[in-house]
N, C-alpha and C. Protein backbone atom coordinates (compact mmCIF):
# COMPACT_ATOMS: atom_id res chain seq x y z
N UNK A 1 54.08 126.23 176.74
CA UNK A 1 54.24 127.62 176.37
C UNK A 1 55.55 128.09 176.99
N UNK A 2 56.51 128.48 176.16
CA UNK A 2 57.79 128.97 176.65
C UNK A 2 57.85 130.47 176.61
N UNK A 3 58.89 131.01 177.21
CA UNK A 3 59.04 132.46 177.23
C UNK A 3 60.37 132.81 176.57
N UNK A 4 60.32 133.75 175.62
CA UNK A 4 61.50 134.23 174.92
C UNK A 4 61.57 135.73 175.19
N UNK A 5 62.39 136.14 176.12
CA UNK A 5 62.42 137.54 176.53
C UNK A 5 61.10 137.87 177.18
N UNK A 6 60.40 138.86 176.68
CA UNK A 6 59.08 139.17 177.20
C UNK A 6 58.00 138.71 176.23
N UNK A 7 58.35 137.77 175.37
CA UNK A 7 57.44 137.32 174.33
C UNK A 7 57.08 135.87 174.58
N UNK A 8 55.80 135.55 174.53
CA UNK A 8 55.35 134.17 174.71
C UNK A 8 55.58 133.38 173.44
N UNK A 9 55.96 132.13 173.57
CA UNK A 9 56.16 131.26 172.42
C UNK A 9 55.20 130.08 172.53
N UNK A 10 54.45 129.79 171.49
CA UNK A 10 53.53 128.66 171.54
C UNK A 10 54.32 127.34 171.52
N UNK A 11 53.70 126.26 171.95
CA UNK A 11 54.40 124.98 172.01
C UNK A 11 54.71 124.39 170.64
N UNK A 12 54.06 124.87 169.58
CA UNK A 12 54.31 124.30 168.27
C UNK A 12 55.57 124.84 167.62
N UNK A 13 56.35 125.65 168.28
CA UNK A 13 57.63 126.10 167.78
C UNK A 13 57.61 127.40 167.02
N UNK A 14 56.45 127.99 166.79
CA UNK A 14 56.40 129.26 166.10
C UNK A 14 56.94 130.34 167.03
N UNK A 15 57.68 131.24 166.46
CA UNK A 15 58.18 132.36 167.25
C UNK A 15 57.40 133.59 166.87
N UNK A 16 57.38 134.54 167.77
CA UNK A 16 56.68 135.77 167.44
C UNK A 16 57.65 136.71 166.74
N UNK A 17 57.18 137.88 166.40
CA UNK A 17 57.93 138.81 165.58
C UNK A 17 59.25 139.26 166.19
N UNK A 18 59.98 140.07 165.45
CA UNK A 18 61.29 140.55 165.88
C UNK A 18 61.15 141.46 167.08
N UNK A 19 60.18 142.34 167.03
CA UNK A 19 59.98 143.27 168.13
C UNK A 19 58.94 142.69 169.08
N UNK A 20 59.40 142.21 170.22
CA UNK A 20 58.48 141.56 171.16
C UNK A 20 57.70 142.57 171.99
N UNK A 21 57.94 143.84 171.79
CA UNK A 21 57.17 144.85 172.50
C UNK A 21 55.90 145.20 171.73
N UNK A 22 55.83 144.79 170.46
CA UNK A 22 54.66 145.10 169.64
C UNK A 22 53.48 144.25 170.11
N UNK A 23 52.27 144.80 170.08
CA UNK A 23 51.11 144.05 170.53
C UNK A 23 50.83 142.80 169.70
N UNK A 24 51.22 142.81 168.40
CA UNK A 24 50.97 141.64 167.57
C UNK A 24 51.93 140.51 167.87
N UNK A 25 52.94 140.79 168.67
CA UNK A 25 53.94 139.78 168.99
C UNK A 25 53.42 138.76 169.98
N UNK A 26 52.50 139.13 170.80
CA UNK A 26 52.01 138.23 171.83
C UNK A 26 51.25 137.07 171.20
N UNK A 27 51.70 135.88 171.50
CA UNK A 27 51.04 134.69 171.01
C UNK A 27 50.68 133.88 172.23
N UNK A 28 49.40 133.69 172.47
CA UNK A 28 48.98 133.00 173.68
C UNK A 28 48.16 131.76 173.32
N UNK A 29 48.23 130.78 174.12
CA UNK A 29 47.44 129.56 173.99
C UNK A 29 47.62 128.86 172.64
N UNK A 30 48.78 128.99 172.04
CA UNK A 30 49.05 128.30 170.79
C UNK A 30 48.45 128.95 169.57
N UNK A 31 47.78 130.08 169.69
CA UNK A 31 47.23 130.77 168.54
C UNK A 31 48.32 131.56 167.85
N UNK A 32 48.26 131.64 166.54
CA UNK A 32 49.26 132.35 165.77
C UNK A 32 48.80 133.77 165.51
N UNK A 33 49.77 134.68 165.41
CA UNK A 33 49.39 136.04 165.03
C UNK A 33 49.08 136.07 163.53
N UNK A 34 48.61 137.20 163.05
CA UNK A 34 48.16 137.32 161.66
C UNK A 34 49.21 136.97 160.64
N UNK A 35 50.43 137.42 160.84
CA UNK A 35 51.48 137.17 159.85
C UNK A 35 51.81 135.69 159.76
N UNK A 36 51.96 135.03 160.91
CA UNK A 36 52.28 133.61 160.89
C UNK A 36 51.11 132.79 160.35
N UNK A 37 49.89 133.23 160.62
CA UNK A 37 48.72 132.53 160.10
C UNK A 37 48.68 132.62 158.58
N UNK A 38 48.97 133.81 158.04
CA UNK A 38 48.99 133.97 156.59
C UNK A 38 50.08 133.10 155.97
N UNK A 39 51.24 133.03 156.62
CA UNK A 39 52.33 132.20 156.13
C UNK A 39 51.92 130.74 156.13
N UNK A 40 51.29 130.31 157.19
CA UNK A 40 50.84 128.92 157.29
C UNK A 40 49.77 128.62 156.23
N UNK A 41 48.87 129.54 155.97
CA UNK A 41 47.85 129.35 154.94
C UNK A 41 48.48 129.27 153.56
N UNK A 42 49.48 130.12 153.29
CA UNK A 42 50.17 130.08 152.00
C UNK A 42 50.89 128.76 151.82
N UNK A 43 51.54 128.28 152.88
CA UNK A 43 52.23 127.00 152.80
C UNK A 43 51.24 125.87 152.55
N UNK A 44 50.08 125.94 153.18
CA UNK A 44 49.06 124.91 152.98
C UNK A 44 48.52 124.94 151.56
N UNK A 45 48.26 126.13 151.00
CA UNK A 45 47.80 126.24 149.61
C UNK A 45 48.85 125.71 148.65
N UNK A 46 50.12 126.05 148.90
CA UNK A 46 51.23 125.56 148.07
C UNK A 46 51.27 124.03 148.10
N UNK A 47 51.19 123.46 149.29
CA UNK A 47 51.27 122.01 149.42
C UNK A 47 50.06 121.33 148.77
N UNK A 48 48.87 121.92 148.92
CA UNK A 48 47.68 121.34 148.29
C UNK A 48 47.79 121.35 146.77
N UNK A 49 48.29 122.45 146.21
CA UNK A 49 48.48 122.50 144.75
C UNK A 49 49.52 121.48 144.31
N UNK A 50 50.58 121.32 145.09
CA UNK A 50 51.61 120.35 144.77
C UNK A 50 51.03 118.93 144.79
N UNK A 51 50.26 118.60 145.82
CA UNK A 51 49.67 117.26 145.91
C UNK A 51 48.68 117.00 144.79
N UNK A 52 47.89 118.01 144.43
CA UNK A 52 46.94 117.86 143.33
C UNK A 52 47.67 117.59 142.02
N UNK A 53 48.75 118.32 141.78
CA UNK A 53 49.54 118.12 140.57
C UNK A 53 50.13 116.72 140.54
N UNK A 54 50.68 116.28 141.66
CA UNK A 54 51.27 114.94 141.73
C UNK A 54 50.20 113.88 141.48
N UNK A 55 49.02 114.04 142.05
CA UNK A 55 47.94 113.06 141.86
C UNK A 55 47.53 112.96 140.39
N UNK A 56 47.38 114.10 139.73
CA UNK A 56 46.98 114.09 138.33
C UNK A 56 48.05 113.44 137.47
N UNK A 57 49.31 113.81 137.69
CA UNK A 57 50.39 113.25 136.87
C UNK A 57 50.61 111.77 137.17
N UNK A 58 50.43 111.37 138.43
CA UNK A 58 50.55 109.94 138.76
C UNK A 58 49.43 109.14 138.10
N UNK A 59 48.23 109.71 138.07
CA UNK A 59 47.11 109.04 137.39
C UNK A 59 47.39 108.90 135.89
N UNK A 60 47.96 109.93 135.31
CA UNK A 60 48.33 109.87 133.90
C UNK A 60 49.39 108.79 133.67
N UNK A 61 50.39 108.74 134.52
CA UNK A 61 51.42 107.70 134.42
C UNK A 61 50.83 106.31 134.57
N UNK A 62 49.90 106.16 135.51
CA UNK A 62 49.23 104.88 135.71
C UNK A 62 48.45 104.48 134.46
N UNK A 63 47.72 105.44 133.89
CA UNK A 63 46.92 105.16 132.70
C UNK A 63 47.81 104.72 131.54
N UNK A 64 48.92 105.42 131.34
CA UNK A 64 49.83 105.08 130.25
C UNK A 64 50.47 103.71 130.48
N UNK A 65 50.79 103.40 131.72
CA UNK A 65 51.47 102.15 132.02
C UNK A 65 50.53 100.96 132.03
N UNK A 66 49.42 101.07 132.73
CA UNK A 66 48.58 99.90 132.96
C UNK A 66 47.30 99.87 132.12
N UNK A 67 46.62 100.98 132.00
CA UNK A 67 45.34 100.99 131.29
C UNK A 67 45.55 100.69 129.81
N UNK A 68 46.50 101.36 129.20
CA UNK A 68 46.77 101.12 127.78
C UNK A 68 47.23 99.68 127.58
N UNK A 69 48.09 99.18 128.47
CA UNK A 69 48.54 97.79 128.37
C UNK A 69 47.40 96.79 128.53
N UNK A 70 46.47 97.11 129.41
CA UNK A 70 45.34 96.21 129.65
C UNK A 70 44.46 96.07 128.41
N UNK A 71 44.30 97.17 127.69
CA UNK A 71 43.46 97.16 126.49
C UNK A 71 44.28 97.07 125.20
N UNK A 72 45.49 96.55 125.27
CA UNK A 72 46.38 96.52 124.11
C UNK A 72 45.77 95.74 122.95
N UNK A 73 45.20 94.60 123.23
CA UNK A 73 44.63 93.79 122.13
C UNK A 73 43.45 94.51 121.47
N UNK A 74 42.68 95.21 122.28
CA UNK A 74 41.52 95.92 121.72
C UNK A 74 41.93 97.13 120.89
N UNK A 75 43.15 97.61 121.10
CA UNK A 75 43.62 98.81 120.40
C UNK A 75 44.50 98.48 119.19
N UNK A 76 44.50 97.21 118.75
CA UNK A 76 45.36 96.79 117.63
C UNK A 76 44.99 97.49 116.32
N UNK A 77 43.75 97.95 116.21
CA UNK A 77 43.32 98.58 114.95
C UNK A 77 43.97 99.95 114.75
N UNK A 78 44.49 100.56 115.83
CA UNK A 78 45.16 101.86 115.70
C UNK A 78 46.60 101.62 115.27
N UNK A 79 47.02 102.29 114.21
CA UNK A 79 48.38 102.13 113.70
C UNK A 79 49.11 103.46 113.78
N UNK A 80 50.36 103.40 114.25
CA UNK A 80 51.23 104.58 114.30
C UNK A 80 52.52 104.21 113.57
N UNK A 81 52.81 104.90 112.49
CA UNK A 81 53.96 104.62 111.64
C UNK A 81 54.00 103.16 111.20
N UNK A 82 52.83 102.59 110.98
CA UNK A 82 52.72 101.22 110.49
C UNK A 82 52.76 100.15 111.57
N UNK A 83 52.98 100.55 112.83
CA UNK A 83 53.04 99.58 113.92
C UNK A 83 51.75 99.63 114.72
N UNK A 84 51.37 98.48 115.31
CA UNK A 84 50.18 98.49 116.17
C UNK A 84 50.39 99.42 117.37
N UNK A 85 49.30 99.99 117.84
CA UNK A 85 49.36 100.95 118.95
C UNK A 85 50.02 100.36 120.19
N UNK A 86 49.71 99.11 120.52
CA UNK A 86 50.29 98.49 121.71
C UNK A 86 51.81 98.38 121.60
N UNK A 87 52.32 98.03 120.40
CA UNK A 87 53.77 97.95 120.20
C UNK A 87 54.39 99.33 120.34
N UNK A 88 53.75 100.33 119.73
CA UNK A 88 54.28 101.69 119.79
C UNK A 88 54.33 102.20 121.23
N UNK A 89 53.26 101.98 121.99
CA UNK A 89 53.23 102.44 123.39
C UNK A 89 54.29 101.73 124.22
N UNK A 90 54.48 100.44 124.00
CA UNK A 90 55.48 99.70 124.77
C UNK A 90 56.89 100.12 124.39
N UNK A 91 57.13 100.37 123.11
CA UNK A 91 58.48 100.67 122.64
C UNK A 91 58.88 102.13 122.87
N UNK A 92 57.96 103.07 122.58
CA UNK A 92 58.37 104.46 122.63
C UNK A 92 57.34 105.39 123.26
N UNK A 93 56.11 105.14 123.05
CA UNK A 93 55.06 106.07 123.48
C UNK A 93 55.05 106.31 124.97
N UNK A 94 55.12 105.25 125.77
CA UNK A 94 55.09 105.40 127.22
C UNK A 94 56.30 106.19 127.71
N UNK A 95 57.47 105.90 127.14
CA UNK A 95 58.67 106.63 127.56
C UNK A 95 58.55 108.11 127.23
N UNK A 96 58.00 108.42 126.08
CA UNK A 96 57.81 109.83 125.71
C UNK A 96 56.84 110.50 126.67
N UNK A 97 55.77 109.80 127.07
CA UNK A 97 54.82 110.37 128.02
C UNK A 97 55.47 110.59 129.37
N UNK A 98 56.31 109.65 129.82
CA UNK A 98 57.01 109.82 131.12
C UNK A 98 57.91 111.05 131.09
N UNK A 99 58.62 111.24 130.00
CA UNK A 99 59.49 112.42 129.89
C UNK A 99 58.64 113.70 129.91
N UNK A 100 57.51 113.68 129.23
CA UNK A 100 56.62 114.85 129.25
C UNK A 100 56.05 115.10 130.65
N UNK A 101 55.76 114.04 131.39
CA UNK A 101 55.26 114.19 132.75
C UNK A 101 56.32 114.87 133.62
N UNK A 102 57.56 114.42 133.53
CA UNK A 102 58.64 115.01 134.33
C UNK A 102 58.86 116.47 133.93
N UNK A 103 58.86 116.75 132.62
CA UNK A 103 59.04 118.13 132.15
C UNK A 103 57.91 119.03 132.66
N UNK A 104 56.67 118.56 132.54
CA UNK A 104 55.53 119.37 132.97
C UNK A 104 55.56 119.61 134.47
N UNK A 105 55.92 118.58 135.25
CA UNK A 105 56.00 118.74 136.70
C UNK A 105 57.06 119.78 137.07
N UNK A 106 58.23 119.69 136.48
CA UNK A 106 59.30 120.64 136.79
C UNK A 106 58.89 122.06 136.40
N UNK A 107 58.30 122.22 135.23
CA UNK A 107 57.87 123.55 134.78
C UNK A 107 56.79 124.13 135.69
N UNK A 108 55.82 123.31 136.04
CA UNK A 108 54.72 123.78 136.89
C UNK A 108 55.20 124.08 138.30
N UNK A 109 56.09 123.26 138.84
CA UNK A 109 56.61 123.52 140.19
C UNK A 109 57.47 124.78 140.21
N UNK A 110 58.22 125.03 139.17
CA UNK A 110 58.99 126.29 139.11
C UNK A 110 58.05 127.48 139.13
N UNK A 111 56.93 127.38 138.39
CA UNK A 111 55.95 128.45 138.38
C UNK A 111 55.30 128.61 139.76
N UNK A 112 54.96 127.49 140.41
CA UNK A 112 54.39 127.55 141.75
C UNK A 112 55.38 128.15 142.75
N UNK A 113 56.65 127.77 142.63
CA UNK A 113 57.67 128.32 143.52
C UNK A 113 57.76 129.84 143.38
N UNK A 114 57.69 130.32 142.14
CA UNK A 114 57.71 131.78 141.94
C UNK A 114 56.45 132.42 142.49
N UNK A 115 55.31 131.79 142.28
CA UNK A 115 54.04 132.34 142.74
C UNK A 115 54.00 132.45 144.26
N UNK A 116 54.50 131.43 144.95
CA UNK A 116 54.46 131.42 146.41
C UNK A 116 55.79 131.87 147.03
N UNK A 117 56.70 132.33 146.19
CA UNK A 117 58.01 132.83 146.65
C UNK A 117 58.76 131.81 147.49
N UNK A 118 58.81 130.59 146.99
CA UNK A 118 59.53 129.52 147.67
C UNK A 118 60.92 129.48 147.07
N UNK A 119 61.93 129.55 147.92
CA UNK A 119 63.30 129.51 147.43
C UNK A 119 63.84 128.11 147.67
N UNK A 120 64.55 127.62 146.69
CA UNK A 120 65.16 126.28 146.81
C UNK A 120 66.45 126.24 146.05
N UNK A 121 67.10 125.11 146.12
CA UNK A 121 68.34 124.93 145.37
C UNK A 121 68.01 124.80 143.89
N UNK A 122 68.68 125.58 143.09
CA UNK A 122 68.43 125.55 141.66
C UNK A 122 69.64 125.03 140.96
């Protein structure tokens, strides 16, 4: 626990408010004041949503790459523009899905950034 002026600083590096004379500025025993706790909760919610999105899109990418390839022979009866489904997925379908995954991730993350007021390089 360090001291910054007359304001206590927790060991985790969080600083207290601008006005260290305010009663909410005192941070003792590593506990965060209300404002820093809300910020930390928002950051945690943002990160959880980001991880959930990545997991879903990675699973979709895995399915397109490996699951469809694994069952390629079984899917020969499906024809797209006269070509077997496995040929279409290998030649163009998987690439189109990857581009859609990247587009959806960028669009969703931009929306999340606005929702949680995260500023980044644009």
